[in-house]
Amino acid sequence: SLKTLGRPHTTTQSRNAFRMAHQAGFDNISGDIML
């Protein structure tokens, strides 16, 4: 689905983005889900 949408990231990159954000000190993180 990511490829169909033309999104240049992977699921692993999404997961890592959250983990790095928490590590960087962010505790208020939103995520988008397209239906």
Full PDB file with SEQRES, HELIX, SHEET, SSBOND, CRYST1, ORIGX, SCALE, CONECT and MASTER records, all heavy atoms in Angstrom:
SEQRES   1 A   35  SER LEU LYS THR LEU GLY ARG PRO HIS THR THR THR GLN          
SEQRES   2 A   35  SER ARG ASN ALA PHE ARG MET ALA HIS GLN ALA GLY PHE          
SEQRES   3 A   35  ASP ASN ILE SER GLY ASP ILE MET LEU                          
HELIX    1 AA1 LEU A    2  LEU A    5  1                                   4    
HELIX    2 AA2 THR A   11  GLN A   23  1                                  13    
CRYST1    1.000    1.000    1.000  90.00  90.00  90.00 P 1           1          
ORIGX1      1.000000  0.000000  0.000000        0.00000                         
ORIGX2      0.000000  1.000000  0.000000        0.00000                         
ORIGX3      0.000000  0.000000  1.000000        0.00000                         
SCALE1      1.000000  0.000000  0.000000        0.00000                         
SCALE2      0.000000  1.000000  0.000000        0.00000                         
SCALE3      0.000000  0.000000  1.000000        0.00000                         
ATOM      1  N   SER A   1       0.827  -1.211   0.000  1.00  0.00           N  
ATOM      2  CA  SER A   1       0.000   0.000   0.000  1.00  0.00           C  
ATOM      3  C   SER A   1       0.858   1.257   0.000  1.00  0.00           C  
ATOM      4  O   SER A   1       0.527   2.249  -0.665  1.00  0.00           O  
ATOM      5  CB  SER A   1      -0.939   0.003   1.206  1.00  0.00           C  
ATOM      6  OG  SER A   1      -1.921  -0.997   1.094  1.00  0.00           O  
ATOM      7  N   LEU A   2       1.954   1.244   0.735  1.00  0.00           N  
ATOM      8  CA  LEU A   2       2.865   2.384   0.728  1.00  0.00           C  
ATOM      9  C   LEU A   2       3.383   2.657  -0.680  1.00  0.00           C  
ATOM     10  O   LEU A   2       3.441   3.814  -1.124  1.00  0.00           O  
ATOM     11  CB  LEU A   2       4.037   2.141   1.682  1.00  0.00           C  
ATOM     12  CG  LEU A   2       3.716   2.170   3.177  1.00  0.00           C  
ATOM     13  CD1 LEU A   2       4.915   1.672   3.983  1.00  0.00           C  
ATOM     14  CD2 LEU A   2       3.325   3.570   3.627  1.00  0.00           C  
ATOM     15  N   LYS A   3       3.721   1.598  -1.397  1.00  0.00           N  
ATOM     16  CA  LYS A   3       4.210   1.758  -2.774  1.00  0.00           C  
ATOM     17  C   LYS A   3       3.113   2.289  -3.680  1.00  0.00           C  
ATOM     18  O   LYS A   3       3.359   3.153  -4.533  1.00  0.00           O  
ATOM     19  CB  LYS A   3       4.750   0.423  -3.289  1.00  0.00           C  
ATOM     20  CG  LYS A   3       6.013  -0.046  -2.582  1.00  0.00           C  
ATOM     21  CD  LYS A   3       6.435  -1.437  -3.039  1.00  0.00           C  
ATOM     22  CE  LYS A   3       7.652  -1.927  -2.265  1.00  0.00           C  
ATOM     23  NZ  LYS A   3       8.028  -3.321  -2.635  1.00  0.00           N  
ATOM     24  N   THR A   4       1.887   1.779  -3.513  1.00  0.00           N  
ATOM     25  CA  THR A   4       0.767   2.249  -4.327  1.00  0.00           C  
ATOM     26  C   THR A   4       0.513   3.738  -4.105  1.00  0.00           C  
ATOM     27  O   THR A   4       0.239   4.487  -5.051  1.00  0.00           O  
ATOM     28  CB  THR A   4      -0.514   1.453  -3.994  1.00  0.00           C  
ATOM     29  OG1 THR A   4      -0.302   0.074  -4.299  1.00  0.00           O  
ATOM     30  CG2 THR A   4      -1.706   1.967  -4.783  1.00  0.00           C  
ATOM     31  N   LEU A   5       0.616   4.184  -2.856  1.00  0.00           N  
ATOM     32  CA  LEU A   5       0.384   5.591  -2.524  1.00  0.00           C  
ATOM     33  C   LEU A   5       1.518   6.496  -2.992  1.00  0.00           C  
ATOM     34  O   LEU A   5       1.349   7.716  -3.073  1.00  0.00           O  
ATOM     35  CB  LEU A   5       0.224   5.752  -1.011  1.00  0.00           C  
ATOM     36  CG  LEU A   5      -1.019   5.129  -0.371  1.00  0.00           C  
ATOM     37  CD1 LEU A   5      -0.908   5.197   1.155  1.00  0.00           C  
ATOM     38  CD2 LEU A   5      -2.288   5.821  -0.847  1.00  0.00           C  
ATOM     39  N   GLY A   6       2.665   5.915  -3.278  1.00  0.00           N  
ATOM     40  CA  GLY A   6       3.829   6.721  -3.634  1.00  0.00           C  
ATOM     41  C   GLY A   6       4.582   7.218  -2.415  1.00  0.00           C  
ATOM     42  O   GLY A   6       5.346   8.182  -2.499  1.00  0.00           O  
ATOM     43  N   ARG A   7       4.396   6.557  -1.272  1.00  0.00           N  
ATOM     44  CA  ARG A   7       5.112   6.951  -0.063  1.00  0.00           C  
ATOM     45  C   ARG A   7       6.541   6.388  -0.121  1.00  0.00           C  
ATOM     46  O   ARG A   7       6.732   5.199  -0.412  1.00  0.00           O  
ATOM     47  CB  ARG A   7       4.416   6.398   1.185  1.00  0.00           C  
ATOM     48  CG  ARG A   7       2.984   6.844   1.362  1.00  0.00           C  
ATOM     49  CD  ARG A   7       2.860   8.293   1.719  1.00  0.00           C  
ATOM     50  NE  ARG A   7       3.461   8.612   3.010  1.00  0.00           N  
ATOM     51  CZ  ARG A   7       3.417   9.822   3.565  1.00  0.00           C  
ATOM     52  NH1 ARG A   7       2.814  10.823   2.921  1.00  0.00           N  
ATOM     53  NH2 ARG A   7       3.963  10.050   4.734  1.00  0.00           N  
ATOM     54  N   PRO A   8       7.553   7.200   0.172  1.00  0.00           N  
ATOM     55  CA  PRO A   8       8.933   6.722   0.033  1.00  0.00           C  
ATOM     56  C   PRO A   8       9.497   6.021   1.257  1.00  0.00           C  
ATOM     57  O   PRO A   8      10.685   5.710   1.288  1.00  0.00           O  
ATOM     58  CB  PRO A   8       9.710   8.021  -0.243  1.00  0.00           C  
ATOM     59  CG  PRO A   8       8.915   9.077   0.433  1.00  0.00           C  
ATOM     60  CD  PRO A   8       7.477   8.644   0.372  1.00  0.00           C  
ATOM     61  N   HIS A   9       8.666   5.767   2.289  1.00  0.00           N  
ATOM     62  CA  HIS A   9       9.183   5.121   3.486  1.00  0.00           C  
ATOM     63  C   HIS A   9       8.694   3.683   3.591  1.00  0.00           C  
ATOM     64  O   HIS A   9       7.831   3.241   2.826  1.00  0.00           O  
ATOM     65  CB  HIS A   9       8.787   5.906   4.744  1.00  0.00           C  
ATOM     66  CG  HIS A   9       7.333   5.841   5.073  1.00  0.00           C  
ATOM     67  ND1 HIS A   9       6.410   6.756   4.582  1.00  0.00           N  
ATOM     68  CD2 HIS A   9       6.607   4.993   5.855  1.00  0.00           C  
ATOM     69  CE1 HIS A   9       5.212   6.467   5.049  1.00  0.00           C  
ATOM     70  NE2 HIS A   9       5.304   5.387   5.810  1.00  0.00           N  
ATOM     71  N   THR A  10       9.250   2.959   4.552  1.00  0.00           N  
ATOM     72  CA  THR A  10       8.868   1.576   4.815  1.00  0.00           C  
ATOM     73  C   THR A  10       8.235   1.486   6.207  1.00  0.00           C  
ATOM     74  O   THR A  10       8.319   2.416   7.016  1.00  0.00           O  
ATOM     75  CB  THR A  10      10.088   0.644   4.775  1.00  0.00           C  
ATOM     76  OG1 THR A  10      10.969   1.012   5.855  1.00  0.00           O  
ATOM     77  CG2 THR A  10      10.824   0.765   3.449  1.00  0.00           C  
ATOM     78  N   THR A  11       7.618   0.347   6.483  1.00  0.00           N  
ATOM     79  CA  THR A  11       7.034   0.125   7.804  1.00  0.00           C  
ATOM     80  C   THR A  11       8.111   0.155   8.891  1.00  0.00           C  
ATOM     81  O   THR A  11       7.896   0.686   9.981  1.00  0.00           O  
ATOM     82  CB  THR A  11       6.295  -1.220   7.832  1.00  0.00           C  
ATOM     83  OG1 THR A  11       5.269  -1.209   6.839  1.00  0.00           O  
ATOM     84  CG2 THR A  11       5.674  -1.477   9.183  1.00  0.00           C  
ATOM     85  N   THR A  12       9.259  -0.411   8.601  1.00  0.00           N  
ATOM     86  CA  THR A  12      10.362  -0.389   9.565  1.00  0.00           C  
ATOM     87  C   THR A  12      10.770   1.042   9.883  1.00  0.00           C  
ATOM     88  O   THR A  12      11.041   1.389  11.051  1.00  0.00           O  
ATOM     89  CB  THR A  12      11.572  -1.172   9.018  1.00  0.00           C  
ATOM     90  OG1 THR A  12      11.199  -2.535   8.847  1.00  0.00           O  
ATOM     91  CG2 THR A  12      12.755  -1.078   9.967  1.00  0.00           C  
ATOM     92  N   GLN A  13      10.810   1.901   8.874  1.00  0.00           N  
ATOM     93  CA  GLN A  13      11.150   3.306   9.114  1.00  0.00           C  
ATOM     94  C   GLN A  13      10.084   3.996   9.967  1.00  0.00           C  
ATOM     95  O   GLN A  13      10.404   4.849  10.800  1.00  0.00           O  
ATOM     96  CB  GLN A  13      11.336   4.029   7.789  1.00  0.00           C  
ATOM     97  CG  GLN A  13      12.627   3.670   7.069  1.00  0.00           C  
ATOM     98  CD  GLN A  13      12.733   4.314   5.696  1.00  0.00           C  
ATOM     99  OE1 GLN A  13      11.789   4.318   4.915  1.00  0.00           O  
ATOM    100  NE2 GLN A  13      13.896   4.890   5.407  1.00  0.00           N  
ATOM    101  N   SER A  14       8.817   3.629   9.764  1.00  0.00           N  
ATOM    102  CA  SER A  14       7.754   4.198  10.605  1.00  0.00           C  
ATOM    103  C   SER A  14       7.960   3.817  12.059  1.00  0.00           C  
ATOM    104  O   SER A  14       7.879   4.657  12.973  1.00  0.00           O  
ATOM    105  CB  SER A  14       6.378   3.705  10.133  1.00  0.00           C  
ATOM    106  OG  SER A  14       6.035   4.220   8.870  1.00  0.00           O  
ATOM    107  N   ARG A  15       8.216   2.538  12.291  1.00  0.00           N  
ATOM    108  CA  ARG A  15       8.413   2.065  13.663  1.00  0.00           C  
ATOM    109  C   ARG A  15       9.642   2.741  14.289  1.00  0.00           C  
ATOM    110  O   ARG A  15       9.601   3.194  15.443  1.00  0.00           O  
ATOM    111  CB  ARG A  15       8.579   0.542  13.659  1.00  0.00           C  
ATOM    112  CG  ARG A  15       8.513  -0.086  15.041  1.00  0.00           C  
ATOM    113  CD  ARG A  15       8.578  -1.595  14.961  1.00  0.00           C  
ATOM    114  NE  ARG A  15       7.424  -2.181  14.278  1.00  0.00           N  
ATOM    115  CZ  ARG A  15       6.256  -2.404  14.859  1.00  0.00           C  
ATOM    116  NH1 ARG A  15       6.086  -2.071  16.134  1.00  0.00           N  
ATOM    117  NH2 ARG A  15       5.275  -2.961  14.184  1.00  0.00           N  
ATOM    118  N   ASN A  16      10.717   2.835  13.532  1.00  0.00           N  
ATOM    119  CA  ASN A  16      11.927   3.460  14.049  1.00  0.00           C  
ATOM    120  C   ASN A  16      11.729   4.947  14.327  1.00  0.00           C  
ATOM    121  O   ASN A  16      12.336   5.504  15.257  1.00  0.00           O  
ATOM    122  CB  ASN A  16      13.086   3.267  13.064  1.00  0.00           C  
ATOM    123  CG  ASN A  16      13.598   1.839  13.045  1.00  0.00           C  
ATOM    124  OD1 ASN A  16      13.387   1.085  14.000  1.00  0.00           O  
ATOM    125  ND2 ASN A  16      14.276   1.465  11.967  1.00  0.00           N  
ATOM    126  N   ALA A  17      10.862   5.602  13.525  1.00  0.00           N  
ATOM    127  CA  ALA A  17      10.602   7.027  13.729  1.00  0.00           C  
ATOM    128  C   ALA A  17      10.009   7.272  15.111  1.00  0.00           C  
ATOM    129  O   ALA A  17      10.418   8.202  15.829  1.00  0.00           O  
ATOM    130  CB  ALA A  17       9.663   7.552  12.645  1.00  0.00           C  
ATOM    131  N   PHE A  18       9.055   6.434  15.519  1.00  0.00           N  
ATOM    132  CA  PHE A  18       8.472   6.569  16.854  1.00  0.00           C  
ATOM    133  C   PHE A  18       9.523   6.325  17.928  1.00  0.00           C  
ATOM    134  O   PHE A  18       9.612   7.057  18.924  1.00  0.00           O  
ATOM    135  CB  PHE A  18       7.314   5.579  17.031  1.00  0.00           C  
ATOM    136  CG  PHE A  18       6.012   6.054  16.458  1.00  0.00           C  
ATOM    137  CD1 PHE A  18       5.632   5.721  15.166  1.00  0.00           C  
ATOM    138  CD2 PHE A  18       5.153   6.835  17.222  1.00  0.00           C  
ATOM    139  CE1 PHE A  18       4.429   6.149  14.643  1.00  0.00           C  
ATOM    140  CE2 PHE A  18       3.943   7.272  16.707  1.00  0.00           C  
ATOM    141  CZ  PHE A  18       3.578   6.930  15.406  1.00  0.00           C  
ATOM    142  N   ARG A  19      10.323   5.284  17.744  1.00  0.00           N  
ATOM    143  CA  ARG A  19      11.309   4.934  18.762  1.00  0.00           C  
ATOM    144  C   ARG A  19      12.360   6.031  18.920  1.00  0.00           C  
ATOM    145  O   ARG A  19      12.732   6.391  20.038  1.00  0.00           O  
ATOM    146  CB  ARG A  19      11.956   3.596  18.411  1.00  0.00           C  
ATOM    147  CG  ARG A  19      10.960   2.439  18.480  1.00  0.00           C  
ATOM    148  CD  ARG A  19      11.567   1.105  18.097  1.00  0.00           C  
ATOM    149  NE  ARG A  19      10.553   0.046  18.189  1.00  0.00           N  
ATOM    150  CZ  ARG A  19      10.778  -1.231  17.928  1.00  0.00           C  
ATOM    151  NH1 ARG A  19      11.989  -1.624  17.559  1.00  0.00           N  
ATOM    152  NH2 ARG A  19       9.795  -2.126  18.038  1.00  0.00           N  
ATOM    153  N   MET A  20      12.832   6.579  17.808  1.00  0.00           N  
ATOM    154  CA  MET A  20      13.806   7.659  17.886  1.00  0.00           C  
ATOM    155  C   MET A  20      13.190   8.915  18.484  1.00  0.00           C  
ATOM    156  O   MET A  20      13.853   9.644  19.247  1.00  0.00           O  
ATOM    157  CB  MET A  20      14.375   7.949  16.498  1.00  0.00           C  
ATOM    158  CG  MET A  20      15.263   6.862  15.933  1.00  0.00           C  
ATOM    159  SD  MET A  20      16.080   7.323  14.371  1.00  0.00           S  
ATOM    160  CE  MET A  20      14.662   7.534  13.266  1.00  0.00           C  
ATOM    161  N   ALA A  21      11.917   9.172  18.159  1.00  0.00           N  
ATOM    162  CA  ALA A  21      11.247  10.363  18.685  1.00  0.00           C  
ATOM    163  C   ALA A  21      11.152  10.299  20.210  1.00  0.00           C  
ATOM    164  O   ALA A  21      11.420  11.283  20.910  1.00  0.00           O  
ATOM    165  CB  ALA A  21       9.864  10.502  18.067  1.00  0.00           C  
ATOM    166  N   HIS A  22      10.778   9.139  20.732  1.00  0.00           N  
ATOM    167  CA  HIS A  22      10.735   8.987  22.193  1.00  0.00           C  
ATOM    168  C   HIS A  22      12.125   9.166  22.793  1.00  0.00           C  
ATOM    169  O   HIS A  22      12.287   9.816  23.831  1.00  0.00           O  
ATOM    170  CB  HIS A  22      10.171   7.614  22.555  1.00  0.00           C  
ATOM    171  CG  HIS A  22       8.687   7.484  22.347  1.00  0.00           C  
ATOM    172  ND1 HIS A  22       7.770   8.220  23.061  1.00  0.00           N  
ATOM    173  CD2 HIS A  22       7.969   6.702  21.498  1.00  0.00           C  
ATOM    174  CE1 HIS A  22       6.537   7.900  22.674  1.00  0.00           C  
ATOM    175  NE2 HIS A  22       6.631   6.989  21.721  1.00  0.00           N  
ATOM    176  N   GLN A  23      13.113   8.590  22.128  1.00  0.00           N  
ATOM    177  CA  GLN A  23      14.482   8.698  22.626  1.00  0.00           C  
ATOM    178  C   GLN A  23      14.957  10.151  22.634  1.00  0.00           C  
ATOM    179  O   GLN A  23      15.736  10.564  23.501  1.00  0.00           O  
ATOM    180  CB  GLN A  23      15.419   7.834  21.767  1.00  0.00           C  
ATOM    181  CG  GLN A  23      16.818   7.660  22.347  1.00  0.00           C  
ATOM    182  CD  GLN A  23      17.651   6.685  21.525  1.00  0.00           C  
ATOM    183  OE1 GLN A  23      17.139   5.975  20.646  1.00  0.00           O  
ATOM    184  NE2 GLN A  23      18.957   6.652  21.791  1.00  0.00           N  
ATOM    185  N   ALA A  24      14.450  10.938  21.678  1.00  0.00           N  
ATOM    186  CA  ALA A  24      14.839  12.348  21.569  1.00  0.00           C  
ATOM    187  C   ALA A  24      14.085  13.238  22.559  1.00  0.00           C  
ATOM    188  O   ALA A  24      14.385  14.435  22.659  1.00  0.00           O  
ATOM    189  CB  ALA A  24      14.606  12.845  20.146  1.00  0.00           C  
ATOM    190  N   GLY A  25      13.106  12.671  23.254  1.00  0.00           N  
ATOM    191  CA  GLY A  25      12.411  13.447  24.273  1.00  0.00           C  
ATOM    192  C   GLY A  25      10.996  13.853  23.932  1.00  0.00           C  
ATOM    193  O   GLY A  25      10.359  14.599  24.692  1.00  0.00           O  
ATOM    194  N   PHE A  26      10.452  13.361  22.825  1.00  0.00           N  
ATOM    195  CA  PHE A  26       9.057  13.663  22.469  1.00  0.00           C  
ATOM    196  C   PHE A  26       8.135  12.678  23.197  1.00  0.00           C  
ATOM    197  O   PHE A  26       8.311  11.461  23.094  1.00  0.00           O  
ATOM    198  CB  PHE A  26       8.838  13.544  20.962  1.00  0.00           C  
ATOM    199  CG  PHE A  26       9.455  14.649  20.160  1.00  0.00           C  
ATOM    200  CD1 PHE A  26      10.726  14.510  19.619  1.00  0.00           C  
ATOM    201  CD2 PHE A  26       8.768  15.834  19.936  1.00  0.00           C  
ATOM    202  CE1 PHE A  26      11.305  15.528  18.875  1.00  0.00           C  
ATOM    203  CE2 PHE A  26       9.337  16.860  19.193  1.00  0.00           C  
ATOM    204  CZ  PHE A  26      10.611  16.712  18.665  1.00  0.00           C  
ATOM    205  N   ASP A  27       7.139  13.218  23.903  1.00  0.00           N  
ATOM    206  CA  ASP A  27       6.165  12.346  24.562  1.00  0.00           C  
ATOM    207  C   ASP A  27       4.745  12.606  24.071  1.00  0.00           C  
ATOM    208  O   ASP A  27       3.780  12.081  24.625  1.00  0.00           O  
ATOM    209  CB  ASP A  27       6.238  12.499  26.084  1.00  0.00           C  
ATOM    210  CG  ASP A  27       5.930  13.919  26.550  1.00  0.00           C  
ATOM    211  OD1 ASP A  27       5.600  14.775  25.704  1.00  0.00           O  
ATOM    212  OD2 ASP A  27       6.020  14.180  27.761  1.00  0.00           O  
ATOM    213  N   ASN A  28       4.615  13.441  23.042  1.00  0.00           N  
ATOM    214  CA  ASN A  28       3.315  13.735  22.438  1.00  0.00           C  
ATOM    215  C   ASN A  28       3.464  13.523  20.936  1.00  0.00           C  
ATOM    216  O   ASN A  28       3.939  14.417  20.221  1.00  0.00           O  
ATOM    217  CB  ASN A  28       2.881  15.161  22.769  1.00  0.00           C  
ATOM    218  CG  ASN A  28       1.424  15.426  22.421  1.00  0.00           C  
ATOM    219  OD1 ASN A  28       0.718  14.545  21.929  1.00  0.00           O  
ATOM    220  ND2 ASN A  28       0.968  16.646  22.672  1.00  0.00           N  
ATOM    221  N   ILE A  29       3.101  12.335  20.475  1.00  0.00           N  
ATOM    222  CA  ILE A  29       3.354  11.952  19.082  1.00  0.00           C  
ATOM    223  C   ILE A  29       2.067  11.461  18.439  1.00  0.00           C  
ATOM    224  O   ILE A  29       1.410  10.544  18.948  1.00  0.00           O  
ATOM    225  CB  ILE A  29       4.430  10.850  18.985  1.00  0.00           C  
ATOM    226  CG1 ILE A  29       5.693  11.252  19.752  1.00  0.00           C  
ATOM    227  CG2 ILE A  29       4.758  10.560  17.519  1.00  0.00           C  
ATOM    228  CD1 ILE A  29       6.736  10.151  19.839  1.00  0.00           C  
ATOM    229  N   SER A  30       1.723  12.067  17.325  1.00  0.00           N  
ATOM    230  CA  SER A  30       0.559  11.668  16.553  1.00  0.00           C  
ATOM    231  C   SER A  30       1.004  10.863  15.336  1.00  0.00           C  
ATOM    232  O   SER A  30       2.130  11.010  14.858  1.00  0.00           O  
ATOM    233  CB  SER A  30      -0.220  12.910  16.091  1.00  0.00           C  
ATOM    234  OG  SER A  30      -1.343  12.554  15.309  1.00  0.00           O  
ATOM    235  N   GLY A  31       0.115  10.007  14.854  1.00  0.00           N  
ATOM    236  CA  GLY A  31       0.376   9.258  13.631  1.00  0.00           C  
ATOM    237  C   GLY A  31      -0.844   9.281  12.730  1.00  0.00           C  
ATOM    238  O   GLY A  31      -1.982   9.349  13.198  1.00  0.00           O  
ATOM    239  N   ASP A  32      -0.620   9.247  11.426  1.00  0.00           N  
ATOM    240  CA  ASP A  32      -1.708   9.242  10.441  1.00  0.00           C  
ATOM    241  C   ASP A  32      -1.998   7.815   9.989  1.00  0.00           C  
ATOM    242  O   ASP A  32      -1.074   7.033   9.730  1.00  0.00           O  
ATOM    243  CB  ASP A  32      -1.328  10.054   9.201  1.00  0.00           C  
ATOM    244  CG  ASP A  32      -1.235  11.545   9.480  1.00  0.00           C  
ATOM    245  OD1 ASP A  32      -1.736  11.976  10.535  1.00  0.00           O  
ATOM    246  OD2 ASP A  32      -0.661  12.266   8.648  1.00  0.00           O  
ATOM    247  N   ILE A  33      -3.285   7.501   9.876  1.00  0.00           N  
ATOM    248  CA  ILE A  33      -3.727   6.248   9.260  1.00  0.00           C  
ATOM    249  C   ILE A  33      -4.702   6.591   8.136  1.00  0.00           C  
ATOM    250  O   ILE A  33      -5.710   7.256   8.369  1.00  0.00           O  
ATOM    251  CB  ILE A  33      -4.441   5.318  10.257  1.00  0.00           C  
ATOM    252  CG1 ILE A  33      -3.536   4.945  11.425  1.00  0.00           C  
ATOM    253  CG2 ILE A  33      -4.918   4.042   9.550  1.00  0.00           C  
ATOM    254  CD1 ILE A  33      -4.193   4.028  12.460  1.00  0.00           C  
ATOM    255  N   MET A  34      -4.403   6.124   6.934  1.00  0.00           N  
ATOM    256  CA  MET A  34      -5.296   6.338   5.800  1.00  0.00           C  
ATOM    257  C   MET A  34      -6.133   5.088   5.574  1.00  0.00           C  
ATOM    258  O   MET A  34      -5.610   3.969   5.536  1.00  0.00           O  
ATOM    259  CB  MET A  34      -4.484   6.681   4.545  1.00  0.00           C  
ATOM    260  CG  MET A  34      -5.323   7.145   3.378  1.00  0.00           C  
ATOM    261  SD  MET A  34      -4.314   7.745   1.987  1.00  0.00           S  
ATOM    262  CE  MET A  34      -3.797   9.335   2.632  1.00  0.00           C  
ATOM    263  N   LEU A  35      -7.443   5.281   5.440  1.00  0.00           N  
ATOM    264  CA  LEU A  35      -8.394   4.178   5.318  1.00  0.00           C  
ATOM    265  C   LEU A  35      -8.848   3.992   3.878  1.00  0.00           C  
ATOM    266  O   LEU A  35      -8.759   4.907   3.056  1.00  0.00           O  
ATOM    267  CB  LEU A  35      -9.629   4.450   6.180  1.00  0.00           C  
ATOM    268  CG  LEU A  35      -9.401   4.779   7.656  1.00  0.00           C  
ATOM    269  CD1 LEU A  35     -10.698   5.224   8.297  1.00  0.00           C  
ATOM    270  CD2 LEU A  35      -8.828   3.580   8.387  1.00  0.00           C  
TER     271      LEU A  35                                                      
MASTER        0    0    0    2    0    0    0    6  270    1    0    3          
END                                                                             
